[in-house]
């Protein structure tokens, strides 16, 4: 089977997908065909697609989806039938103040989008890696973390990311965050969508461009 061309949809107004799926960042295109992952529990997601779902295609799509949501291991169809089950991921509860962010700011639009489904620590499942100093570094989910902190939620469920390459790549971002005085979730700046694209996305683009030039 030839690998599919998979694209994750990051916006919130794509008419091809339900708003709930867009808010959860579970919208994908595979060779141009919409696939939707709707998270329904701390381990499960309902999968729909604009074409028949084969086991081979689902395995490939689930791998891409789990790059962003590694704690989701059970995938169901709309009738509730289990399509794919992967080994469970060990998780534990950690204080938000113990998590070192790996970015400097968050997008106000994204925080508003995720706010509605954050009620307790169980709704906040975050991939982490461990720094050389033993600190737990948040690999993703900064918008969720910031929105949860603003709501008074003070802990999250975390799991160690299996992606060792990403864990190494994130370290320069952590170093820069600390240089800017970002040590806790509450230290990140809340920016408009336009400001976030300019300041955070722009910084990331420039950093990766420098790495490419150095090769």
C-alpha atoms as a PDB file:
ATOM      1  CA  UNK A   1       0.000   0.000   0.000  1.00  0.00           C
ATOM      2  CA  UNK A   2       1.365   3.405  -1.003  1.00  0.00           C
ATOM      3  CA  UNK A   3       1.577   5.911   1.844  1.00  0.00           C
ATOM      4  CA  UNK A   4      -1.148   8.525   1.770  1.00  0.00           C
ATOM      5  CA  UNK A   5      -0.531  12.257   1.563  1.00  0.00           C
ATOM      6  CA  UNK A   6      -1.873  13.318   4.972  1.00  0.00           C
ATOM      7  CA  UNK A   7      -2.558  16.924   5.991  1.00  0.00           C
ATOM      8  CA  UNK A   8      -3.797  18.101   9.378  1.00  0.00           C
ATOM      9  CA  UNK A   9      -6.363  20.918   9.329  1.00  0.00           C
ATOM     10  CA  UNK A  10      -5.525  23.607  11.900  1.00  0.00           C
ATOM     11  CA  UNK A  11      -8.357  26.090  11.273  1.00  0.00           C
ATOM     12  CA  UNK A  12     -11.790  26.271  12.883  1.00  0.00           C
ATOM     13  CA  UNK A  13     -14.104  27.130   9.974  1.00  0.00           C
ATOM     14  CA  UNK A  14     -13.698  24.307   7.469  1.00  0.00           C
ATOM     15  CA  UNK A  15     -17.207  23.286   6.265  1.00  0.00           C
ATOM     16  CA  UNK A  16     -16.020  19.743   5.575  1.00  0.00           C
ATOM     17  CA  UNK A  17     -15.752  18.992   9.299  1.00  0.00           C
ATOM     18  CA  UNK A  18     -17.937  19.364  12.412  1.00  0.00           C
ATOM     19  CA  UNK A  19     -16.931  22.251  14.678  1.00  0.00           C
ATOM     20  CA  UNK A  20     -16.301  19.835  17.572  1.00  0.00           C
ATOM     21  CA  UNK A  21     -13.716  17.958  15.484  1.00  0.00           C
ATOM     22  CA  UNK A  22     -12.054  21.214  14.388  1.00  0.00           C
ATOM     23  CA  UNK A  23     -11.891  22.438  17.985  1.00  0.00           C
ATOM     24  CA  UNK A  24     -10.181  19.179  18.964  1.00  0.00           C
ATOM     25  CA  UNK A  25      -7.773  19.412  15.995  1.00  0.00           C
ATOM     26  CA  UNK A  26      -8.985  16.033  14.793  1.00  0.00           C
ATOM     27  CA  UNK A  27      -9.545  17.016  11.148  1.00  0.00           C
ATOM     28  CA  UNK A  28      -7.325  15.543   8.442  1.00  0.00           C
ATOM     29  CA  UNK A  29      -7.159  15.166   4.685  1.00  0.00           C
ATOM     30  CA  UNK A  30      -5.748  11.929   3.266  1.00  0.00           C
ATOM     31  CA  UNK A  31      -5.087  12.218  -0.456  1.00  0.00           C
ATOM     32  CA  UNK A  32      -7.621  15.045  -0.339  1.00  0.00           C
ATOM     33  CA  UNK A  33     -10.300  12.929   1.387  1.00  0.00           C
ATOM     34  CA  UNK A  34     -11.658  14.202   4.764  1.00  0.00           C
ATOM     35  CA  UNK A  35     -11.066  12.080   7.853  1.00  0.00           C
ATOM     36  CA  UNK A  36     -12.405  13.121  11.254  1.00  0.00           C
ATOM     37  CA  UNK A  37     -11.266  11.949  14.695  1.00  0.00           C
ATOM     38  CA  UNK A  38     -13.720  12.981  17.431  1.00  0.00           C
ATOM     39  CA  UNK A  39     -12.312  12.371  20.897  1.00  0.00           C
ATOM     40  CA  UNK A  40     -15.030  10.885  23.110  1.00  0.00           C
ATOM     41  CA  UNK A  41     -13.026   9.795  26.173  1.00  0.00           C
ATOM     42  CA  UNK A  42      -9.528   9.971  27.604  1.00  0.00           C
ATOM     43  CA  UNK A  43      -8.623   6.915  25.508  1.00  0.00           C
ATOM     44  CA  UNK A  44     -11.114   6.749  22.655  1.00  0.00           C
ATOM     45  CA  UNK A  45     -12.055   8.513  19.439  1.00  0.00           C
ATOM     46  CA  UNK A  46     -14.787   8.026  16.847  1.00  0.00           C
ATOM     47  CA  UNK A  47     -13.448   7.915  13.291  1.00  0.00           C
ATOM     48  CA  UNK A  48     -15.368   8.938  10.187  1.00  0.00           C
ATOM     49  CA  UNK A  49     -14.158   9.327   6.613  1.00  0.00           C
ATOM     50  CA  UNK A  50     -15.543  10.272   3.230  1.00  0.00           C
ATOM     51  CA  UNK A  51     -14.633   6.825   1.925  1.00  0.00           C
ATOM     52  CA  UNK A  52     -14.755   3.269   3.308  1.00  0.00           C
ATOM     53  CA  UNK A  53     -12.342   2.812   6.212  1.00  0.00           C
ATOM     54  CA  UNK A  54      -9.976  -0.088   5.632  1.00  0.00           C
ATOM     55  CA  UNK A  55      -7.770  -1.488   8.420  1.00  0.00           C
ATOM     56  CA  UNK A  56      -4.640  -0.449   6.500  1.00  0.00           C
ATOM     57  CA  UNK A  57      -5.806   3.125   5.975  1.00  0.00           C
ATOM     58  CA  UNK A  58      -6.985   3.454   9.578  1.00  0.00           C
ATOM     59  CA  UNK A  59      -3.635   2.224  10.908  1.00  0.00           C
ATOM     60  CA  UNK A  60      -1.826   4.889   8.875  1.00  0.00           C
ATOM     61  CA  UNK A  61      -4.258   7.652   9.818  1.00  0.00           C
ATOM     62  CA  UNK A  62      -4.227   6.682  13.488  1.00  0.00           C
ATOM     63  CA  UNK A  63      -0.434   6.897  13.515  1.00  0.00           C
ATOM     64  CA  UNK A  64      -0.573  10.463  12.206  1.00  0.00           C
ATOM     65  CA  UNK A  65      -3.382  11.432  14.577  1.00  0.00           C
ATOM     66  CA  UNK A  66      -1.518   9.966  17.556  1.00  0.00           C
ATOM     67  CA  UNK A  67       1.512  12.143  16.799  1.00  0.00           C
ATOM     68  CA  UNK A  68      -0.662  14.893  18.321  1.00  0.00           C
ATOM     69  CA  UNK A  69      -2.816  12.736  20.634  1.00  0.00           C
ATOM     70  CA  UNK A  70      -0.666   9.813  21.706  1.00  0.00           C
ATOM     71  CA  UNK A  71      -2.957   8.962  24.627  1.00  0.00           C
ATOM     72  CA  UNK A  72      -5.793   7.914  22.294  1.00  0.00           C
ATOM     73  CA  UNK A  73      -5.537   4.169  21.726  1.00  0.00           C
ATOM     74  CA  UNK A  74      -9.075   2.988  20.916  1.00  0.00           C
ATOM     75  CA  UNK A  75     -10.819   3.920  17.656  1.00  0.00           C
ATOM     76  CA  UNK A  76     -14.541   3.349  17.001  1.00  0.00           C
ATOM     77  CA  UNK A  77     -16.970   3.816  14.131  1.00  0.00           C
ATOM     78  CA  UNK A  78     -20.140   5.893  14.525  1.00  0.00           C
ATOM     79  CA  UNK A  79     -22.061   2.824  15.685  1.00  0.00           C
ATOM     80  CA  UNK A  80     -19.653   2.311  18.571  1.00  0.00           C
ATOM     81  CA  UNK A  81     -17.952  -0.742  17.097  1.00  0.00           C
ATOM     82  CA  UNK A  82     -14.239  -0.981  17.903  1.00  0.00           C
ATOM     83  CA  UNK A  83     -12.127  -0.662  14.749  1.00  0.00           C
ATOM     84  CA  UNK A  84      -8.630  -0.523  16.213  1.00  0.00           C
ATOM     85  CA  UNK A  85      -7.211  -0.958  19.708  1.00  0.00           C
ATOM     86  CA  UNK A  86      -3.594  -0.199  20.617  1.00  0.00           C
ATOM     87  CA  UNK A  87      -1.741  -0.829  23.895  1.00  0.00           C
ATOM     88  CA  UNK A  88      -2.824   1.627  26.619  1.00  0.00           C
ATOM     89  CA  UNK A  89      -0.542   4.533  27.469  1.00  0.00           C
ATOM     90  CA  UNK A  90       0.539   5.001  31.073  1.00  0.00           C
ATOM     91  CA  UNK A  91      -0.380   8.417  32.447  1.00  0.00           C
ATOM     92  CA  UNK A  92      -0.227  10.175  35.782  1.00  0.00           C
ATOM     93  CA  UNK A  93      -1.444  13.411  37.332  1.00  0.00           C
ATOM     94  CA  UNK A  94       0.992  16.335  37.522  1.00  0.00           C
ATOM     95  CA  UNK A  95       0.663  19.896  38.812  1.00  0.00           C
ATOM     96  CA  UNK A  96       0.432  22.485  36.059  1.00  0.00           C
ATOM     97  CA  UNK A  97       3.139  24.466  37.839  1.00  0.00           C
ATOM     98  CA  UNK A  98       5.537  21.533  37.387  1.00  0.00           C
ATOM     99  CA  UNK A  99       5.277  21.624  33.585  1.00  0.00           C
ATOM    100  CA  UNK A 100       7.906  23.546  31.641  1.00  0.00           C
ATOM    101  CA  UNK A 101       6.386  25.048  28.459  1.00  0.00           C
ATOM    102  CA  UNK A 102       8.226  24.632  25.166  1.00  0.00           C
ATOM    103  CA  UNK A 103       6.694  27.718  23.576  1.00  0.00           C
ATOM    104  CA  UNK A 104       6.441  31.365  24.593  1.00  0.00           C
ATOM    105  CA  UNK A 105       2.857  32.308  23.885  1.00  0.00           C
ATOM    106  CA  UNK A 106      -0.583  30.921  23.042  1.00  0.00           C
ATOM    107  CA  UNK A 107      -3.248  31.813  20.488  1.00  0.00           C
ATOM    108  CA  UNK A 108      -6.351  33.405  22.037  1.00  0.00           C
ATOM    109  CA  UNK A 109      -8.579  31.846  19.356  1.00  0.00           C
ATOM    110  CA  UNK A 110      -7.246  28.361  20.108  1.00  0.00           C
ATOM    111  CA  UNK A 111      -7.698  28.877  23.841  1.00  0.00           C
ATOM    112  CA  UNK A 112     -11.323  29.891  23.267  1.00  0.00           C
ATOM    113  CA  UNK A 113     -11.885  26.853  21.033  1.00  0.00           C
ATOM    114  CA  UNK A 114     -10.672  24.344  23.632  1.00  0.00           C
ATOM    115  CA  UNK A 115     -12.163  26.063  26.683  1.00  0.00           C
ATOM    116  CA  UNK A 116     -15.567  24.410  26.356  1.00  0.00           C
ATOM    117  CA  UNK A 117     -14.392  20.846  26.927  1.00  0.00           C
ATOM    118  CA  UNK A 118     -11.967  21.521  29.796  1.00  0.00           C
ATOM    119  CA  UNK A 119     -13.550  20.839  33.182  1.00  0.00           C
ATOM    120  CA  UNK A 120     -11.110  18.706  35.221  1.00  0.00           C
ATOM    121  CA  UNK A 121      -7.584  17.329  34.989  1.00  0.00           C
ATOM    122  CA  UNK A 122      -9.009  14.266  33.232  1.00  0.00           C
ATOM    123  CA  UNK A 123      -9.889  16.475  30.241  1.00  0.00           C
ATOM    124  CA  UNK A 124      -6.289  17.642  29.957  1.00  0.00           C
ATOM    125  CA  UNK A 125      -3.986  14.877  28.678  1.00  0.00           C
ATOM    126  CA  UNK A 126      -0.550  16.220  27.757  1.00  0.00           C
ATOM    127  CA  UNK A 127       2.531  14.560  26.204  1.00  0.00           C
ATOM    128  CA  UNK A 128       5.721  15.315  28.127  1.00  0.00           C
ATOM    129  CA  UNK A 129       9.398  14.552  28.020  1.00  0.00           C
ATOM    130  CA  UNK A 130      11.964  14.874  30.784  1.00  0.00           C
ATOM    131  CA  UNK A 131      14.702  17.493  30.623  1.00  0.00           C
ATOM    132  CA  UNK A 132      18.280  16.957  31.759  1.00  0.00           C
ATOM    133  CA  UNK A 133      17.402  18.690  35.031  1.00  0.00           C
ATOM    134  CA  UNK A 134      14.445  16.362  35.589  1.00  0.00           C
ATOM    135  CA  UNK A 135      11.811  18.944  34.672  1.00  0.00           C
ATOM    136  CA  UNK A 136       8.713  17.729  32.855  1.00  0.00           C
ATOM    137  CA  UNK A 137       8.528  19.513  29.496  1.00  0.00           C
ATOM    138  CA  UNK A 138       5.150  19.899  27.783  1.00  0.00           C
ATOM    139  CA  UNK A 139       5.504  18.781  24.167  1.00  0.00           C
ATOM    140  CA  UNK A 140       2.084  19.929  22.991  1.00  0.00           C
ATOM    141  CA  UNK A 141      -1.248  21.194  24.293  1.00  0.00           C
ATOM    142  CA  UNK A 142      -0.093  24.643  25.397  1.00  0.00           C
ATOM    143  CA  UNK A 143      -3.432  26.248  24.472  1.00  0.00           C
ATOM    144  CA  UNK A 144      -5.264  23.649  26.555  1.00  0.00           C
ATOM    145  CA  UNK A 145      -2.863  24.125  29.451  1.00  0.00           C
ATOM    146  CA  UNK A 146      -3.245  27.901  29.432  1.00  0.00           C
ATOM    147  CA  UNK A 147      -7.038  27.770  29.077  1.00  0.00           C
ATOM    148  CA  UNK A 148      -7.227  25.247  31.931  1.00  0.00           C
ATOM    149  CA  UNK A 149      -5.018  27.383  34.169  1.00  0.00           C
ATOM    150  CA  UNK A 150      -7.265  30.406  33.544  1.00  0.00           C
ATOM    151  CA  UNK A 151     -10.285  28.294  34.573  1.00  0.00           C
ATOM    152  CA  UNK A 152      -8.659  27.327  37.856  1.00  0.00           C
ATOM    153  CA  UNK A 153      -7.647  23.792  36.884  1.00  0.00           C
ATOM    154  CA  UNK A 154      -4.309  23.170  38.563  1.00  0.00           C
ATOM    155  CA  UNK A 155      -3.298  19.699  37.371  1.00  0.00           C
ATOM    156  CA  UNK A 156      -3.208  17.642  34.183  1.00  0.00           C
ATOM    157  CA  UNK A 157      -2.885  14.013  33.178  1.00  0.00           C
ATOM    158  CA  UNK A 158       0.468  13.528  31.441  1.00  0.00           C
ATOM    159  CA  UNK A 159       2.222  10.746  29.559  1.00  0.00           C
ATOM    160  CA  UNK A 160       5.756  10.345  28.246  1.00  0.00           C
ATOM    161  CA  UNK A 161       5.971  10.871  24.510  1.00  0.00           C
ATOM    162  CA  UNK A 162       7.309   7.872  22.562  1.00  0.00           C
ATOM    163  CA  UNK A 163       8.669  10.243  19.882  1.00  0.00           C
ATOM    164  CA  UNK A 164      12.342  10.532  20.885  1.00  0.00           C
ATOM    165  CA  UNK A 165      13.230  12.638  17.835  1.00  0.00           C
ATOM    166  CA  UNK A 166      10.590  15.240  18.701  1.00  0.00           C
ATOM    167  CA  UNK A 167      11.725  15.184  22.323  1.00  0.00           C
ATOM    168  CA  UNK A 168      15.247  16.140  21.235  1.00  0.00           C
ATOM    169  CA  UNK A 169      14.061  18.735  18.723  1.00  0.00           C
ATOM    170  CA  UNK A 170      12.044  20.548  21.399  1.00  0.00           C
ATOM    171  CA  UNK A 171      15.029  21.232  23.681  1.00  0.00           C
ATOM    172  CA  UNK A 172      16.227  24.450  21.926  1.00  0.00           C
ATOM    173  CA  UNK A 173      12.669  25.782  22.210  1.00  0.00           C
ATOM    174  CA  UNK A 174      12.713  25.101  25.948  1.00  0.00           C
ATOM    175  CA  UNK A 175      16.073  26.857  26.277  1.00  0.00           C
ATOM    176  CA  UNK A 176      14.704  29.927  24.486  1.00  0.00           C
ATOM    177  CA  UNK A 177      11.519  29.863  26.573  1.00  0.00           C
ATOM    178  CA  UNK A 178      13.554  29.893  29.773  1.00  0.00           C
ATOM    179  CA  UNK A 179      15.743  32.696  28.419  1.00  0.00           C
ATOM    180  CA  UNK A 180      12.532  34.694  28.028  1.00  0.00           C
ATOM    181  CA  UNK A 181      11.409  33.922  31.584  1.00  0.00           C
ATOM    182  CA  UNK A 182       8.878  31.239  30.645  1.00  0.00           C
ATOM    183  CA  UNK A 183       9.026  28.572  33.360  1.00  0.00           C
ATOM    184  CA  UNK A 184       5.349  27.867  34.019  1.00  0.00           C
ATOM    185  CA  UNK A 185       2.102  27.687  32.078  1.00  0.00           C
ATOM    186  CA  UNK A 186       1.021  31.032  33.522  1.00  0.00           C
ATOM    187  CA  UNK A 187       4.166  32.727  32.172  1.00  0.00           C
ATOM    188  CA  UNK A 188       3.149  32.345  28.523  1.00  0.00           C
ATOM    189  CA  UNK A 189       1.704  35.404  26.780  1.00  0.00           C
ATOM    190  CA  UNK A 190      -1.865  35.339  25.437  1.00  0.00           C
ATOM    191  CA  UNK A 191      -1.769  36.765  21.906  1.00  0.00           C
ATOM    192  CA  UNK A 192      -4.294  37.376  19.173  1.00  0.00           C
ATOM    193  CA  UNK A 193      -4.262  34.899  16.299  1.00  0.00           C
ATOM    194  CA  UNK A 194      -2.443  37.414  14.097  1.00  0.00           C
ATOM    195  CA  UNK A 195       0.166  38.172  16.756  1.00  0.00           C
ATOM    196  CA  UNK A 196       0.720  34.475  17.413  1.00  0.00           C
ATOM    197  CA  UNK A 197       1.340  33.831  13.724  1.00  0.00           C
ATOM    198  CA  UNK A 198       3.771  36.740  13.557  1.00  0.00           C
ATOM    199  CA  UNK A 199       5.677  36.204  16.800  1.00  0.00           C
ATOM    200  CA  UNK A 200       5.536  32.462  17.571  1.00  0.00           C
ATOM    201  CA  UNK A 201       5.092  30.927  14.115  1.00  0.00           C
ATOM    202  CA  UNK A 202       7.536  33.454  12.705  1.00  0.00           C
ATOM    203  CA  UNK A 203      10.160  32.576  15.324  1.00  0.00           C
ATOM    204  CA  UNK A 204       9.720  28.845  14.619  1.00  0.00           C
ATOM    205  CA  UNK A 205       9.997  29.357  10.848  1.00  0.00           C
ATOM    206  CA  UNK A 206      13.190  31.372  11.294  1.00  0.00           C
ATOM    207  CA  UNK A 207      14.671  28.753  13.646  1.00  0.00           C
ATOM    208  CA  UNK A 208      14.017  25.872  11.239  1.00  0.00           C
ATOM    209  CA  UNK A 209      15.390  27.942   8.348  1.00  0.00           C
ATOM    210  CA  UNK A 210      18.635  28.463  10.284  1.00  0.00           C
ATOM    211  CA  UNK A 211      18.898  24.727  10.934  1.00  0.00           C
ATOM    212  CA  UNK A 212      18.396  23.992   7.228  1.00  0.00           C
ATOM    213  CA  UNK A 213      21.094  26.486   6.281  1.00  0.00           C
ATOM    214  CA  UNK A 214      23.513  24.860   8.709  1.00  0.00           C
ATOM    215  CA  UNK A 215      23.181  21.408   7.118  1.00  0.00           C
END
